[in-house]
Amino acid sequence: MGVHKTTVGEVVTAVSDALAHLLDHFVSFPNDGQIAKLKQQCFLLGDMPNTIGVIDCTHVHIQGPHQREWEYVNRKGRHSINVQLVGDADLAITNYVVRWPGCATTMPMEEQGVPLSA
């Protein structure tokens, strides 16, 4: 593309800084009152005490990629990507991770620091 590495580095840094400044506008953690409400909703929904959300992972089937194709073959021999979803009692998705090839189990995700609990 004819762009110098220094320029790319400066742009990446500027965009990263701008996104970090917006973090508080888009990411928030529940306060004590919200946590109590979430716990009550989860208990009423599924008799789950002290729960503020649920988490699960699944394989989403994909067409095999041209590069590193073998990494996307899951234990059933199909091409897939691992998808991790976190949801609340209103059935809203509160977090997701779509990044691990189908050959990955939850163990490598845990080793890489991917939170498997909310």
Protein backbone atom coordinates (compact mmCIF):
# COMPACT_ATOMS: atom_id res chain seq x y z
CA MET A 1 0.00 0.00 0.00
CA GLY A 2 3.01 2.27 0.18
CA VAL A 3 2.49 3.32 3.81
CA HIS A 4 5.52 3.47 6.08
CA LYS A 5 5.55 1.27 9.22
CA THR A 6 5.97 4.34 11.43
CA THR A 7 2.83 5.91 9.98
CA VAL A 8 0.85 2.71 10.52
CA GLY A 9 2.09 2.52 14.11
CA GLU A 10 1.09 6.12 14.78
CA VAL A 11 -2.38 5.59 13.32
CA VAL A 12 -2.93 2.38 15.30
CA THR A 13 -1.85 4.16 18.50
CA ALA A 14 -4.13 7.14 17.81
CA VAL A 15 -7.15 4.91 17.08
CA SER A 16 -6.45 2.74 20.13
CA ASP A 17 -6.21 5.82 22.37
CA ALA A 18 -9.47 7.20 20.95
CA LEU A 19 -11.26 3.91 21.56
CA ALA A 20 -9.89 3.69 25.10
CA HIS A 21 -11.30 7.16 25.86
CA LEU A 22 -14.75 5.97 24.71
CA LEU A 23 -14.64 2.84 26.86
CA ASP A 24 -16.61 4.30 29.77
CA HIS A 25 -19.40 5.35 27.41
CA PHE A 26 -19.97 1.80 26.17
CA VAL A 27 -18.73 -0.55 28.90
CA SER A 28 -20.09 -0.60 32.42
CA PHE A 29 -20.24 -3.02 35.29
CA PRO A 30 -23.43 -3.44 37.30
CA ASN A 31 -23.68 -1.62 40.63
CA ASP A 32 -24.87 -3.36 43.81
CA GLY A 33 -28.54 -2.63 43.10
CA GLN A 34 -28.29 -3.93 39.54
CA ILE A 35 -26.51 -7.08 40.74
CA ALA A 36 -29.30 -7.75 43.25
CA LYS A 37 -31.89 -7.30 40.47
CA LEU A 38 -29.96 -9.62 38.12
CA LYS A 39 -29.71 -12.28 40.83
CA GLN A 40 -33.47 -12.05 41.47
CA GLN A 41 -34.29 -12.28 37.74
CA CYS A 42 -32.05 -15.33 37.24
CA PHE A 43 -33.54 -17.01 40.28
CA LEU A 44 -37.09 -16.42 39.02
CA LEU A 45 -36.17 -17.53 35.50
CA GLY A 46 -34.40 -20.77 36.30
CA ASP A 47 -34.13 -21.25 40.06
CA MET A 48 -30.44 -20.27 39.86
CA PRO A 49 -29.34 -18.63 43.14
CA ASN A 50 -26.54 -16.03 43.18
CA THR A 51 -26.39 -15.94 39.37
CA ILE A 52 -26.07 -12.75 37.32
CA GLY A 53 -25.74 -14.34 33.88
CA VAL A 54 -25.11 -17.48 31.92
CA ILE A 55 -22.35 -18.58 29.56
CA ASP A 56 -22.06 -21.21 26.88
CA CYS A 57 -19.91 -22.08 23.90
CA THR A 58 -20.85 -23.68 20.63
CA HIS A 59 -19.33 -24.50 17.27
CA VAL A 60 -20.59 -22.48 14.30
CA HIS A 61 -20.02 -24.31 11.05
CA ILE A 62 -18.04 -22.42 8.41
CA GLN A 63 -16.60 -23.06 4.98
CA GLY A 64 -13.03 -24.27 5.37
CA PRO A 65 -10.53 -21.41 5.00
CA HIS A 66 -7.72 -21.58 2.45
CA GLN A 67 -5.00 -20.92 5.02
CA ARG A 68 -4.43 -23.12 8.08
CA GLU A 69 -7.54 -25.11 7.18
CA TRP A 70 -6.68 -27.93 9.60
CA GLU A 71 -7.04 -25.60 12.60
CA TYR A 72 -10.74 -25.19 11.88
CA VAL A 73 -11.62 -28.88 11.85
CA ASN A 74 -13.49 -29.72 15.05
CA ARG A 75 -13.70 -33.07 16.84
CA LYS A 76 -16.59 -34.10 14.57
CA GLY A 77 -14.50 -33.49 11.44
CA ARG A 78 -16.36 -30.33 10.38
CA HIS A 79 -14.98 -26.83 9.87
CA SER A 80 -16.12 -24.48 12.62
CA ILE A 81 -15.33 -21.52 14.84
CA ASN A 82 -15.88 -21.61 18.60
CA VAL A 83 -18.36 -18.98 19.74
CA GLN A 84 -18.68 -18.04 23.41
CA LEU A 85 -21.80 -16.11 24.50
CA VAL A 86 -22.71 -14.56 27.84
CA GLY A 87 -26.32 -13.62 28.47
CA ASP A 88 -28.56 -12.19 31.16
CA ALA A 89 -32.04 -13.04 32.48
CA ASP A 90 -33.63 -10.87 29.76
CA LEU A 91 -32.00 -13.18 27.17
CA ALA A 92 -29.79 -10.31 26.02
CA ILE A 93 -26.25 -11.13 24.90
CA THR A 94 -23.91 -9.17 27.16
CA ASN A 95 -20.59 -10.49 25.84
CA TYR A 96 -19.29 -12.67 23.05
CA VAL A 97 -16.01 -14.08 21.80
CA VAL A 98 -15.75 -15.31 18.20
CA ARG A 99 -12.12 -16.03 17.70
CA TRP A 100 -11.03 -19.61 18.27
CA PRO A 101 -10.78 -22.16 15.45
CA GLY A 102 -12.91 -25.29 15.70
CA CYS A 103 -10.02 -27.50 16.82
CA ALA A 104 -9.72 -25.47 20.05
CA THR A 105 -11.40 -26.76 23.16
CA THR A 106 -12.21 -24.67 26.22
CA MET A 107 -8.83 -25.61 27.74
CA PRO A 108 -6.75 -23.56 25.25
CA MET A 109 -9.19 -20.67 25.63
CA GLU A 110 -8.74 -20.70 29.39
CA GLU A 111 -4.95 -20.84 28.99
CA GLN A 112 -5.12 -17.76 26.74
CA GLY A 113 -7.00 -15.83 29.42
CA VAL A 114 -10.45 -15.99 27.84
CA PRO A 115 -12.93 -15.73 30.73
CA LEU A 116 -15.26 -18.71 30.79
CA SER A 117 -17.38 -17.30 33.58
CA ALA A 118 -19.21 -14.02 33.92
